[in-house]
Amino acid sequence: MTATAGAVQCSNCNRALDESPALLPKFSYLRSGLRERSGGRPSRGLSCPLLLLIAFLIAPCSSANDVAIDAAHWRAVARSDLDFIHRTILEAHPGAIDRANPAFQTWMEDGYPEALSLLPRVHDYSTSLNAVRDYVTGFRDGHLFVSDQMRPPDELIEFQGWGVDERHGQFIVVTTARDWPVPLPPLGARLISCDGRSPESIVAEDVAPYVDRRDLNWSRRLRAQQLGTPVNSLGKKLVKCTFALGGAARSTLDVGYRAVTFEEFARVMHAGIQNRGHENGYELKDGTLWIHIPSFQLDSSQYATLRKMLDEIRRLHGVTQIVFDVRGNGGGDSSIGDMIFDETTGGLRFDDHGLATRPSIYAEWRVSKIAINGAEKALKQAVKTYGAASSRARWHRKLLNSLVSAQKSGRQWARQDSGERRLTRDDVAQRHGRLRRFAGRIAVLTDSDCMSACLDFVDQVRLVPGALHLGTMTGADSMYIDTTRVQLPSGNVLVMPLKVWRNRLRGNNEALVPDFAFDGDIDDDETVRRWLMSVLRTH
C-alpha cells in the first residue's frame, strides 16, 4: 500500500494539507490555517471592542449593509465549493461507483442538499467552511477533507478563553488564556455541562458535523478539543458551563467570548496539547533497539538521512529486541514503512504452500482525468525524492500507464495487484512465519494518531509470530486511500482518495487494538518506556 497522487503523498490525510511528516497530530484542525501564515506576519485586524474610541470619532466597525453583503458573499462561496465538490466526487471518487458501498452513494446525494440547507446560517469565512465540511465529513472518510489555507489573515475568531481535551472519557481543561475579561476554569478542571447539555452532546451536535463524525478515539479527542469554539461549530456559542476540580466542589462560570486573531486563538489552544517531533531516529540500550518513527512522509533530504540511519542499524551488534515507536505517525508513504521493516528485520517469510487459494489483496483505481493528473504529479515527486531509476519512480510510472490505458479502453477501474494474500496472524503462525534476519522479539508502540500508512506498518509488524502491539488503540481509515488535490473555487483544496482496497484484512474504519493497552499519558516518554519494558520482560 503506497501513497501516490498529487503533492500530498499520503495514504492518510484527514487533515492539514501538505503537512509532513505527521499530518495531523493533536489539534490538527488549526494547522492548515496556521501553516499558510507561519512567516510571522502580524494580523491586519483588530476586534471592534478594541476600536471603540476610534470608532466613536470616525465610524462604526461595520454597517448592517456591510454585514449583509459579507454574508451574501460567503454564502456564494460555500455554494460554489459545495457544487464543485459534489461534481468532483461524482466524477472521480471510487466510492461514487463502488457497488460494495451503496451507503456512500446515498450520502453523496442526500448529504448535498443537507449541506445546502445550512447556507442561510453562513455569514463569514468560518461558517462558510463549516457548511462545506458538513457535506464532506458525512462520508466518514479520513482521506476526504477540505483544507483551510484561504482563511482571511485579518479575520477575528470568537474564542471562549479555554480549551479541553478528552482523557479517559472525561473532558479536562488543558489550556487557558491570560488576562481574560471573565473568570476562567482552572487547569485540570473537569467540564460537567454547559447550558444543560453534557460535553458529549455538545461535541456530537455542535462540532462533529463540521470536523469528524467517525467513532474513533482520535476523532473523539479532536472534537473535544474544539468544544465551545464557534469557528468549528457553525457559529454556536455557550452561555454558562459547570466545572469540577478535585472532589465534589463545582462552580458554574459565564462563558465570555472575545474576538482574537487566528494566531492568538491557535497559540492558546496549542499550549495544552503535546505534539511529538518529526525526526526519525534510534537508540540501542541493554540489547533493546528503540526506533522512533514519527513520520513516513519524507523529502529527499530526510530520505537520505533515513537511508543513513538504516545503514547504521544494520551494522549494530547485540540487538536482542526491537521496538518500533510510531507514536505521532499520521501516515505518509507506506513504502517508507516497508523499507524500515525490511532493512531492520529482513522481512517476514512463511510457508507458502496452498497460498494461491487464499483471497488476493488488490486495489482498484477510479479512472478519471483527476486521477491521471494526480499520477503525473506523483511520478514527478517520486523522481525528485527517490531518483528516476528508483523502485518508487518505476511504480508510479507503471500506475500512470495503467490509468491512461484504462481511460483509452473506456474502463472505469484500473487494477493494482499487491502480490499479497489475505492472511491473519494465526494463519502466519500456522505457516511457521519468521523474520529473515532477526531472531529476537519485536514490538510496535502506537497512539491514536496512527492512521493510513502507519496502520499498514502496524499490520505488517502484527503478522510476525510473537510480535506485540503495545500502547493505545490506533486511528483508522476507510477502504478508500491514496489521495490527490483539487483546488476549489474558494481557493481551498479538496483532498480526495482515488482507489479502493479489496480483501484488506483490516476493515473499513477499523482501529487496531493493542495486545497490551497503556492506561496513562501516552506522550509521557519515561513512563511509557518503563511500562513497555516491563511488558516485554513478563510476556
Protein backbone atom coordinates (compact mmCIF):
# COMPACT_ATOMS: atom_id res chain seq x y z
CA MET A 1 0.00 0.00 0.00
CA THR A 2 1.62 3.19 -1.04
CA ALA A 3 0.94 6.85 -1.44
CA THR A 4 0.60 8.17 -4.89
CA ALA A 5 -1.28 11.05 -6.26
CA GLY A 6 -0.59 14.71 -6.04
CA ALA A 7 1.79 16.72 -3.93
CA VAL A 8 0.32 15.15 -0.81
CA GLN A 9 1.84 11.69 -0.97
CA CYS A 10 -0.12 10.26 1.89
CA SER A 11 -2.15 7.19 2.45
CA ASN A 12 -3.95 9.10 5.13
CA CYS A 13 -4.69 12.75 5.23
CA ASN A 14 -7.70 13.62 7.38
CA ARG A 15 -6.21 16.75 7.98
CA ALA A 16 -3.97 19.62 7.26
CA LEU A 17 -2.89 19.97 3.71
CA ASP A 18 0.73 19.42 2.73
CA GLU A 19 1.76 18.87 6.33
CA SER A 20 4.55 16.45 6.79
CA PRO A 21 5.57 14.33 8.46
CA ALA A 22 2.74 13.62 10.91
CA LEU A 23 -0.04 15.28 9.01
CA LEU A 24 -2.21 15.96 11.98
CA PRO A 25 -1.02 15.45 15.46
CA LYS A 26 -3.40 16.61 18.14
CA PHE A 27 -5.28 19.82 17.45
CA SER A 28 -4.72 19.41 13.78
CA TYR A 29 -7.77 21.35 12.72
CA LEU A 30 -5.81 24.56 13.26
CA ARG A 31 -2.71 23.64 11.34
CA SER A 32 -3.72 24.24 7.75
CA GLY A 33 -4.61 27.83 8.55
CA LEU A 34 -1.50 28.35 10.64
CA ARG A 35 0.78 26.93 8.02
CA GLU A 36 -0.15 29.45 5.38
CA ARG A 37 0.74 32.33 7.68
CA SER A 38 3.66 30.82 9.56
CA GLY A 39 6.01 33.57 8.50
CA GLY A 40 5.03 35.67 11.48
CA ARG A 41 3.11 38.30 9.55
CA PRO A 42 1.00 40.29 12.03
CA SER A 43 -2.74 40.26 11.68
CA ARG A 44 -4.23 43.25 9.95
CA GLY A 45 -7.41 43.08 12.01
CA LEU A 46 -8.49 44.35 15.41
CA SER A 47 -11.69 43.50 17.24
CA CYS A 48 -14.47 46.05 17.36
CA PRO A 49 -14.21 46.43 21.18
CA LEU A 50 -10.56 47.39 20.83
CA LEU A 51 -11.51 50.16 18.43
CA LEU A 52 -14.38 51.69 20.36
CA LEU A 53 -12.73 55.07 20.96
CA ILE A 54 -11.59 55.39 17.36
CA ALA A 55 -14.94 54.17 16.10
CA PHE A 56 -16.75 56.75 18.17
CA LEU A 57 -14.78 59.53 16.45
CA ILE A 58 -14.67 58.07 12.96
CA ALA A 59 -17.17 55.35 12.05
CA PRO A 60 -18.66 52.06 13.30
CA CYS A 61 -16.70 48.85 12.63
CA SER A 62 -19.28 47.80 10.05
CA SER A 63 -22.76 48.73 8.96
CA ALA A 64 -25.75 46.42 8.69
CA ASN A 65 -25.47 46.73 4.91
CA ASP A 66 -21.80 45.68 5.03
CA VAL A 67 -22.73 42.63 7.12
CA ALA A 68 -25.45 41.64 4.66
CA ILE A 69 -23.07 41.98 1.72
CA ASP A 70 -20.43 39.90 3.51
CA ALA A 71 -22.99 37.20 4.35
CA ALA A 72 -24.17 37.01 0.74
CA HIS A 73 -20.56 36.72 -0.43
CA TRP A 74 -19.71 33.86 1.93
CA ARG A 75 -22.93 32.01 1.09
CA ALA A 76 -22.00 32.21 -2.58
CA VAL A 77 -18.50 30.92 -1.77
CA ALA A 78 -19.92 27.95 0.15
CA ARG A 79 -22.43 27.19 -2.60
CA SER A 80 -19.71 27.21 -5.29
CA ASP A 81 -17.48 24.89 -3.27
CA LEU A 82 -20.33 22.51 -2.48
CA ASP A 83 -21.39 22.31 -6.13
CA PHE A 84 -17.79 21.71 -7.18
CA ILE A 85 -17.17 19.01 -4.54
CA HIS A 86 -20.38 17.18 -5.45
CA ARG A 87 -19.40 17.13 -9.14
CA THR A 88 -15.82 16.12 -8.40
CA ILE A 89 -16.76 13.23 -6.13
CA LEU A 90 -19.24 12.01 -8.71
CA GLU A 91 -16.57 12.22 -11.40
CA ALA A 92 -13.51 10.84 -9.64
CA HIS A 93 -14.08 9.32 -6.18
CA PRO A 94 -14.06 5.49 -6.20
CA GLY A 95 -16.99 5.42 -3.76
CA ALA A 96 -19.27 7.03 -6.33
CA ILE A 97 -19.29 3.82 -8.40
CA ASP A 98 -18.36 1.27 -5.73
CA ARG A 99 -21.12 -1.36 -5.72
CA ALA A 100 -19.82 -2.71 -2.41
CA ASN A 101 -20.64 0.59 -0.66
CA PRO A 102 -24.14 1.86 -1.53
CA ALA A 103 -24.15 4.00 1.63
CA PHE A 104 -21.53 6.21 0.02
CA GLN A 105 -23.76 6.98 -2.95
CA THR A 106 -26.71 7.61 -0.64
CA TRP A 107 -24.83 10.29 1.29
CA MET A 108 -23.34 11.66 -1.93
CA GLU A 109 -26.86 12.65 -2.99
CA ASP A 110 -28.67 13.13 0.34
CA GLY A 111 -25.86 14.95 2.13
CA TYR A 112 -25.54 17.52 -0.63
CA PRO A 113 -28.95 19.19 -0.09
CA GLU A 114 -28.45 18.86 3.67
CA ALA A 115 -25.31 20.98 3.44
CA LEU A 116 -27.05 23.44 1.14
CA SER A 117 -29.77 23.88 3.78
CA LEU A 118 -27.12 25.38 6.08
CA LEU A 119 -26.41 28.29 3.72
CA PRO A 120 -28.85 30.70 5.45
CA ARG A 121 -26.69 30.36 8.59
CA VAL A 122 -23.49 31.26 6.75
CA HIS A 123 -22.21 34.79 7.41
CA ASP A 124 -18.38 34.64 7.33
CA TYR A 125 -15.45 32.51 6.23
CA SER A 126 -15.67 30.07 9.14
CA THR A 127 -19.38 29.33 8.77
CA SER A 128 -18.88 29.02 5.01
CA LEU A 129 -16.18 26.39 5.59
CA ASN A 130 -18.39 24.65 8.19
CA ALA A 131 -21.20 24.26 5.64
CA VAL A 132 -18.79 22.74 3.12
CA ARG A 133 -17.29 20.38 5.67
CA ASP A 134 -20.75 19.27 6.80
CA TYR A 135 -21.05 17.55 3.44
CA VAL A 136 -17.51 16.16 3.37
CA THR A 137 -17.48 14.72 6.92
CA GLY A 138 -20.69 12.82 6.18
CA PHE A 139 -18.71 10.38 4.06
CA ARG A 140 -16.77 9.35 7.19
CA ASP A 141 -13.61 9.04 5.14
CA GLY A 142 -10.33 10.18 6.68
CA HIS A 143 -8.81 10.64 3.23
CA LEU A 144 -11.51 13.04 2.07
CA PHE A 145 -11.21 16.53 3.55
CA VAL A 146 -11.09 20.24 2.78
CA SER A 147 -8.14 22.45 3.66
CA ASP A 148 -8.28 25.81 5.43
CA GLN A 149 -5.46 27.83 3.90
CA MET A 150 -7.69 30.56 2.45
CA ARG A 151 -8.80 31.91 5.83
CA PRO A 152 -8.62 35.74 5.61
CA PRO A 153 -5.49 36.86 7.50
CA ASP A 154 -7.40 39.63 9.26
CA GLU A 155 -10.40 37.51 10.30
CA LEU A 156 -11.11 37.58 14.03
CA ILE A 157 -12.07 34.43 15.90
CA GLU A 158 -14.66 34.34 18.68
CA PHE A 159 -12.90 32.46 21.48
CA GLN A 160 -14.00 31.46 25.00
CA GLY A 161 -10.51 31.62 26.51
CA TRP A 162 -10.17 27.95 27.48
CA GLY A 163 -9.91 24.56 25.82
CA VAL A 164 -10.48 20.96 26.88
CA ASP A 165 -9.13 17.56 25.92
CA GLU A 166 -10.88 14.20 26.33
CA ARG A 167 -9.00 11.91 28.69
CA HIS A 168 -10.43 8.56 29.68
CA GLY A 169 -13.96 9.71 28.91
CA GLN A 170 -13.68 12.99 30.81
CA PHE A 171 -13.34 16.49 29.40
CA ILE A 172 -10.41 18.17 31.14
CA VAL A 173 -9.37 21.82 30.89
CA VAL A 174 -5.85 21.78 29.42
CA THR A 175 -5.30 25.37 28.34
CA THR A 176 -6.45 28.87 29.31
CA ALA A 177 -5.77 32.37 28.03
CA ARG A 178 -4.28 35.20 30.05
CA ASP A 179 -5.99 38.45 31.04
CA TRP A 180 -9.48 37.30 30.11
CA PRO A 181 -12.44 39.61 30.89
CA VAL A 182 -14.32 36.89 32.87
CA PRO A 183 -13.10 34.20 35.31
CA LEU A 184 -11.79 31.09 33.57
CA PRO A 185 -11.80 27.49 34.82
CA PRO A 186 -8.51 26.31 36.36
CA LEU A 187 -6.25 23.90 34.51
CA GLY A 188 -7.19 20.33 35.34
CA ALA A 189 -10.84 21.15 35.99
CA ARG A 190 -13.39 18.69 34.62
CA LEU A 191 -16.17 20.04 32.41
CA ILE A 192 -19.52 18.76 33.67
CA SER A 193 -22.05 20.51 31.44
CA CYS A 194 -22.87 23.67 29.53
CA ASP A 195 -26.36 25.15 29.25
CA GLY A 196 -27.96 21.92 30.44
CA ARG A 197 -26.12 19.72 27.95
CA SER A 198 -23.37 17.19 28.56
CA PRO A 199 -19.99 17.64 26.84
CA GLU A 200 -20.73 14.52 24.80
CA SER A 201 -23.94 16.06 23.47
CA ILE A 202 -22.25 19.35 22.66
CA VAL A 203 -19.48 17.82 20.58
CA ALA A 204 -21.89 15.44 18.84
CA GLU A 205 -24.35 18.18 17.90
CA ASP A 206 -22.23 21.31 17.57
CA VAL A 207 -18.82 20.05 16.45
CA ALA A 208 -18.87 16.61 14.80
CA PRO A 209 -20.74 17.60 11.60
CA TYR A 210 -18.08 20.18 10.78
CA VAL A 211 -14.99 18.30 11.97
CA ASP A 212 -15.15 14.49 12.07
CA ARG A 213 -18.16 12.21 12.53
CA ARG A 214 -16.28 8.93 12.92
CA ASP A 215 -16.46 6.91 16.14
CA LEU A 216 -12.71 6.73 16.74
CA ASN A 217 -10.56 7.66 19.72
CA TRP A 218 -8.67 10.17 17.61
CA SER A 219 -11.90 11.68 16.31
CA ARG A 220 -13.40 11.96 19.78
CA ARG A 221 -10.34 13.81 21.06
CA LEU A 222 -10.30 16.10 18.03
CA ARG A 223 -13.94 17.01 18.59
CA ALA A 224 -13.40 17.54 22.32
CA GLN A 225 -10.54 19.94 21.66
CA GLN A 226 -12.91 22.14 19.69
CA LEU A 227 -15.75 22.21 22.19
CA GLY A 228 -17.07 25.73 22.64
CA THR A 229 -15.25 27.26 19.66
CA PRO A 230 -17.71 28.90 17.23
CA VAL A 231 -15.08 28.71 14.46
CA ASN A 232 -15.82 24.99 14.09
CA SER A 233 -19.40 24.90 15.39
CA LEU A 234 -21.26 26.89 12.71
CA GLY A 235 -21.05 29.93 14.97
CA LYS A 236 -22.71 28.35 18.02
CA LYS A 237 -21.74 29.76 21.43
CA LEU A 238 -22.05 28.56 25.01
CA VAL A 239 -23.50 30.70 27.82
CA LYS A 240 -22.72 29.01 31.16
CA CYS A 241 -20.56 25.98 31.94
CA THR A 242 -20.15 23.95 35.13
CA PHE A 243 -16.75 22.60 36.13
CA ALA A 244 -15.47 20.34 38.92
CA LEU A 245 -11.99 20.30 40.37
CA GLY A 246 -10.82 17.53 42.66
CA GLY A 247 -13.70 16.37 44.85
CA ALA A 248 -17.36 17.23 44.68
CA ALA A 249 -16.88 21.02 44.56
CA ARG A 250 -18.39 22.54 41.45
CA SER A 251 -18.56 26.02 40.04
CA THR A 252 -20.64 27.49 37.25
CA LEU A 253 -18.97 30.18 35.17
CA ASP A 254 -20.19 32.55 32.48
CA VAL A 255 -18.59 31.85 29.12
CA GLY A 256 -17.03 35.07 27.91
CA TYR A 257 -16.20 35.19 24.22
CA ARG A 258 -13.68 37.64 22.86
CA ALA A 259 -12.61 38.37 19.29
CA VAL A 260 -8.96 37.44 18.79
CA THR A 261 -6.70 36.86 15.83
CA PHE A 262 -6.43 33.36 14.47
CA GLU A 263 -2.80 33.23 15.57
CA GLU A 264 -3.69 34.12 19.16
CA PHE A 265 -6.51 31.59 19.17
CA ALA A 266 -4.24 28.84 17.85
CA ARG A 267 -1.41 29.74 20.22
CA VAL A 268 -3.59 29.35 23.31
CA MET A 269 -5.20 26.14 22.11
CA HIS A 270 -1.88 24.56 21.13
CA ALA A 271 -0.41 25.36 24.55
CA GLY A 272 -2.31 22.49 26.16
CA ILE A 273 -1.54 19.90 23.52
CA GLN A 274 1.71 17.97 23.25
CA ASN A 275 2.98 17.46 19.73
CA ARG A 276 5.67 14.92 19.08
CA GLY A 277 8.71 15.72 16.98
CA HIS A 278 9.04 14.72 13.35
CA GLU A 279 12.56 13.29 13.28
CA ASN A 280 13.13 9.59 12.76
CA GLY A 281 15.91 8.15 14.92
CA TYR A 282 17.08 5.22 17.05
CA GLU A 283 18.88 4.24 20.24
CA LEU A 284 20.32 0.96 21.49
CA LYS A 285 20.36 0.26 25.23
CA ASP A 286 20.77 -3.07 27.04
CA GLY A 287 20.01 -5.02 23.88
CA THR A 288 16.82 -3.11 23.06
CA LEU A 289 16.86 -1.22 19.76
CA TRP A 290 14.27 1.54 20.05
CA ILE A 291 13.43 3.01 16.65
CA HIS A 292 11.48 6.28 16.63
CA ILE A 293 9.34 6.60 13.50
CA PRO A 294 7.02 9.64 13.83
CA SER A 295 6.88 10.12 10.06
CA PHE A 296 6.52 8.23 6.81
CA GLN A 297 6.35 11.46 4.80
CA LEU A 298 9.86 12.48 3.75
CA ASP A 299 11.52 14.91 1.40
CA SER A 300 14.71 13.98 -0.44
CA SER A 301 16.97 15.20 2.38
CA GLN A 302 15.01 13.30 5.04
CA TYR A 303 15.01 10.21 2.84
CA ALA A 304 18.80 10.36 2.59
CA THR A 305 19.04 10.73 6.37
CA LEU A 306 16.78 7.71 6.84
CA ARG A 307 18.90 5.63 4.48
CA LYS A 308 21.97 6.54 6.52
CA MET A 309 20.18 5.60 9.74
CA LEU A 310 19.15 2.21 8.37
CA ASP A 311 22.70 1.53 7.21
CA GLU A 312 23.92 2.24 10.75
CA ILE A 313 21.26 -0.03 12.25
CA ARG A 314 22.26 -2.94 10.03
CA ARG A 315 25.80 -2.73 11.43
CA LEU A 316 24.71 -2.81 15.08
CA HIS A 317 25.59 -5.76 17.32
CA GLY A 318 23.95 -7.08 20.46
CA VAL A 319 20.35 -6.33 19.48
CA THR A 320 18.03 -8.77 21.26
CA GLN A 321 14.71 -6.99 20.72
CA ILE A 322 13.34 -4.17 18.58
CA VAL A 323 10.67 -1.60 19.48
CA PHE A 324 9.13 0.32 16.59
CA ASP A 325 7.78 3.53 18.16
CA VAL A 326 5.25 5.07 15.76
CA ARG A 327 3.60 7.47 18.20
CA GLY A 328 2.61 10.66 16.40
CA ASN A 329 2.84 9.00 12.98
CA GLY A 330 -0.17 10.10 10.96
CA GLY A 331 0.76 8.29 7.76
CA GLY A 332 2.60 9.19 4.59
CA ASP A 333 4.31 6.95 2.05
CA SER A 334 3.84 3.34 3.14
CA SER A 335 6.87 2.24 1.12
CA ILE A 336 8.95 4.02 3.77
CA GLY A 337 7.45 1.74 6.41
CA ASP A 338 8.10 -1.28 4.20
CA MET A 339 11.73 -0.24 3.81
CA ILE A 340 12.26 0.28 7.55
CA PHE A 341 10.71 -3.10 8.37
CA ASP A 342 12.67 -4.98 5.70
CA GLU A 343 16.01 -3.27 6.42
CA THR A 344 15.83 -3.92 10.17
CA THR A 345 14.39 -7.45 10.18
CA GLY A 346 14.91 -8.88 6.70
CA GLY A 347 11.16 -9.09 6.24
CA LEU A 348 8.68 -11.84 7.03
CA ARG A 349 8.81 -15.27 5.45
CA PHE A 350 6.44 -18.23 5.87
CA ASP A 351 5.35 -21.47 4.24
CA ASP A 352 3.51 -20.52 1.05
CA HIS A 353 2.02 -23.97 0.37
CA GLY A 354 -1.55 -23.55 -0.90
CA LEU A 355 -1.27 -19.78 -0.69
CA ALA A 356 -2.88 -19.30 -4.10
CA THR A 357 -6.21 -20.48 -2.68
CA ARG A 358 -6.38 -17.51 -0.29
CA PRO A 359 -8.11 -14.28 -1.41
CA SER A 360 -5.86 -11.87 -3.26
CA ILE A 361 -5.44 -8.37 -1.83
CA TYR A 362 -5.72 -5.81 -4.60
CA ALA A 363 -6.81 -2.25 -5.25
CA GLU A 364 -8.97 -0.67 -7.91
CA TRP A 365 -8.20 2.87 -9.05
CA ARG A 366 -11.08 5.03 -10.25
CA VAL A 367 -10.15 6.10 -13.76
CA SER A 368 -10.55 9.84 -14.35
CA LYS A 369 -8.70 12.90 -15.60
CA ILE A 370 -8.18 13.87 -11.98
CA ALA A 371 -6.53 10.52 -11.20
CA ILE A 372 -4.25 10.78 -14.23
CA ASN A 373 -3.22 14.34 -13.37
CA GLY A 374 -2.51 13.21 -9.82
CA ALA A 375 -0.46 10.26 -11.03
CA GLU A 376 1.63 12.56 -13.23
CA LYS A 377 2.38 14.83 -10.25
CA ALA A 378 3.17 11.86 -8.03
CA LEU A 379 5.62 10.49 -10.60
CA LYS A 380 7.45 13.82 -10.73
CA GLN A 381 7.63 13.91 -6.95
CA ALA A 382 8.91 10.32 -6.76
CA VAL A 383 11.66 11.11 -9.29
CA LYS A 384 12.62 14.20 -7.28
CA THR A 385 12.68 12.39 -3.93
CA TYR A 386 13.98 8.92 -4.80
CA GLY A 387 15.53 9.26 -8.27
CA ALA A 388 14.33 8.40 -11.79
CA ALA A 389 15.63 4.81 -11.61
CA SER A 390 14.22 4.08 -8.15
CA SER A 391 11.62 1.41 -7.48
CA ARG A 392 9.22 4.14 -6.32
CA ALA A 393 9.54 6.02 -9.61
CA ARG A 394 9.04 2.78 -11.57
CA TRP A 395 5.93 2.03 -9.51
CA HIS A 396 4.41 5.45 -10.20
CA ARG A 397 5.30 5.22 -13.87
CA LYS A 398 3.52 1.87 -14.09
CA LEU A 399 0.45 3.29 -12.35
CA LEU A 400 0.27 6.24 -14.73
CA ASN A 401 0.47 3.97 -17.75
CA SER A 402 -2.24 1.74 -16.30
CA LEU A 403 -4.60 4.67 -15.76
CA VAL A 404 -4.01 6.07 -19.25
CA SER A 405 -4.55 2.65 -20.83
CA ALA A 406 -7.78 2.12 -18.88
CA GLN A 407 -9.06 5.54 -19.92
CA LYS A 408 -8.39 4.81 -23.58
CA SER A 409 -10.21 1.49 -23.26
CA GLY A 410 -13.22 3.13 -21.62
CA ARG A 411 -12.80 1.19 -18.36
CA GLN A 412 -13.90 2.65 -15.02
CA TRP A 413 -11.28 0.84 -12.96
CA ALA A 414 -7.55 0.15 -13.21
CA ARG A 415 -6.45 -2.80 -11.10
CA GLN A 416 -3.37 -2.75 -8.85
CA ASP A 417 -2.25 -6.17 -7.61
CA SER A 418 -0.40 -6.11 -4.31
CA GLY A 419 1.08 -9.59 -4.74
CA GLU A 420 -0.22 -10.46 -1.26
CA ARG A 421 -2.86 -12.85 0.01
CA ARG A 422 -5.28 -12.26 2.85
CA LEU A 423 -3.72 -13.88 5.94
CA THR A 424 -4.42 -13.43 9.66
CA ARG A 425 -1.89 -13.52 12.49
CA ASP A 426 -2.92 -17.10 13.21
CA ASP A 427 -2.53 -18.05 9.55
CA VAL A 428 1.07 -16.82 9.51
CA ALA A 429 1.86 -18.62 12.78
CA GLN A 430 0.48 -21.87 11.39
CA ARG A 431 2.68 -21.38 8.34
CA HIS A 432 5.74 -21.12 10.63
CA GLY A 433 6.30 -17.44 9.95
CA ARG A 434 9.65 -15.93 10.96
CA LEU A 435 11.85 -12.96 10.21
CA ARG A 436 14.65 -13.47 7.69
CA ARG A 437 17.46 -11.67 9.52
CA PHE A 438 16.35 -11.20 13.11
CA ALA A 439 15.56 -13.90 15.66
CA GLY A 440 14.71 -11.66 18.63
CA ARG A 441 11.46 -10.14 19.89
CA ILE A 442 9.79 -7.22 18.13
CA ALA A 443 7.09 -4.84 19.29
CA VAL A 444 5.27 -1.83 17.92
CA LEU A 445 4.14 1.10 20.08
CA THR A 446 1.15 3.13 18.88
CA ASP A 447 -1.12 6.01 19.83
CA SER A 448 -4.39 7.24 18.36
CA ASP A 449 -2.58 9.34 15.73
CA CYS A 450 -1.59 6.18 13.83
CA MET A 451 -3.50 6.09 10.56
CA SER A 452 -3.14 5.06 6.95
CA ALA A 453 0.49 4.21 6.10
CA CYS A 454 1.16 3.92 9.83
CA LEU A 455 -1.63 1.36 10.04
CA ASP A 456 -0.11 -0.52 7.10
CA PHE A 457 3.14 -0.70 9.04
CA VAL A 458 1.44 -1.93 12.22
CA ASP A 459 -0.45 -4.53 10.16
CA GLN A 460 2.92 -5.79 8.95
CA VAL A 461 4.50 -6.00 12.40
CA ARG A 462 1.45 -7.69 13.92
CA LEU A 463 1.71 -10.57 11.43
CA VAL A 464 5.07 -11.64 12.86
CA PRO A 465 4.57 -14.58 15.27
CA GLY A 466 5.34 -13.45 18.82
CA ALA A 467 5.29 -9.74 17.97
CA LEU A 468 3.49 -7.48 20.45
CA HIS A 469 1.35 -4.46 19.72
CA LEU A 470 1.56 -2.07 22.69
CA GLY A 471 0.26 1.38 23.57
CA THR A 472 -3.18 2.77 22.80
CA MET A 473 -5.75 1.98 20.16
CA THR A 474 -4.81 3.35 16.75
CA GLY A 475 -6.80 5.59 14.48
CA ALA A 476 -8.46 4.13 11.40
CA ASP A 477 -9.02 4.77 7.74
CA SER A 478 -11.58 3.75 5.18
CA MET A 479 -11.02 1.39 2.29
CA TYR A 480 -10.57 4.47 0.10
CA ILE A 481 -6.97 5.61 0.03
CA ASP A 482 -4.17 7.33 -1.94
CA THR A 483 -5.01 10.97 -2.36
CA THR A 484 -4.79 13.78 -4.83
CA ARG A 485 -5.51 17.50 -4.51
CA VAL A 486 -8.10 19.52 -6.38
CA GLN A 487 -8.42 23.27 -5.95
CA LEU A 488 -11.89 24.55 -5.05
CA PRO A 489 -13.42 27.80 -6.31
CA SER A 490 -12.72 29.34 -2.89
CA GLY A 491 -9.00 28.59 -3.24
CA ASN A 492 -9.10 25.93 -0.56
CA VAL A 493 -8.21 22.40 -1.61
CA LEU A 494 -10.21 19.19 -1.68
CA VAL A 495 -8.01 16.21 -0.80
CA MET A 496 -9.62 13.07 -2.19
CA PRO A 497 -8.76 9.35 -2.38
CA LEU A 498 -8.50 7.68 -5.76
CA LYS A 499 -8.54 3.93 -5.11
CA VAL A 500 -10.34 1.32 -3.04
CA TRP A 501 -8.79 -1.76 -1.41
CA ARG A 502 -10.37 -5.17 -1.89
CA ASN A 503 -9.92 -8.05 0.59
CA ARG A 504 -7.85 -5.99 3.02
CA LEU A 505 -7.74 -7.77 6.38
CA ARG A 506 -8.37 -4.58 8.34
CA GLY A 507 -11.94 -3.44 7.81
CA ASN A 508 -13.40 -0.08 6.88
CA ASN A 509 -12.64 2.50 9.61
CA GLU A 510 -11.40 -0.31 11.87
CA ALA A 511 -8.91 0.68 14.56
CA LEU A 512 -6.23 -1.75 15.74
CA VAL A 513 -6.47 -2.76 19.41
CA PRO A 514 -3.14 -3.35 21.18
CA ASP A 515 -2.29 -6.70 22.74
CA PHE A 516 -1.45 -4.73 25.89
CA ALA A 517 -3.01 -1.30 26.39
CA PHE A 518 -1.30 1.58 28.17
CA ASP A 519 -3.66 3.35 30.58
CA GLY A 520 -1.98 6.71 31.03
CA ASP A 521 -0.41 9.63 29.18
CA ILE A 522 0.94 8.04 26.01
CA ASP A 523 3.16 11.12 25.46
CA ASP A 524 5.00 10.61 28.77
CA ASP A 525 8.12 9.00 27.29
CA GLU A 526 9.74 7.92 30.55
CA THR A 527 6.63 6.29 31.99
CA VAL A 528 5.74 4.63 28.69
CA ARG A 529 9.24 3.22 28.35
CA ARG A 530 9.22 1.70 31.86
CA TRP A 531 5.81 0.16 31.24
CA LEU A 532 6.76 -1.24 27.83
CA MET A 533 9.98 -2.82 29.08
CA SER A 534 8.04 -4.40 31.92
CA VAL A 535 5.56 -5.92 29.46
CA LEU A 536 8.39 -7.29 27.31
CA ARG A 537 10.05 -8.86 30.36
CA THR A 538 6.91 -10.61 31.55
CA HIS A 539 5.23 -11.69 28.31
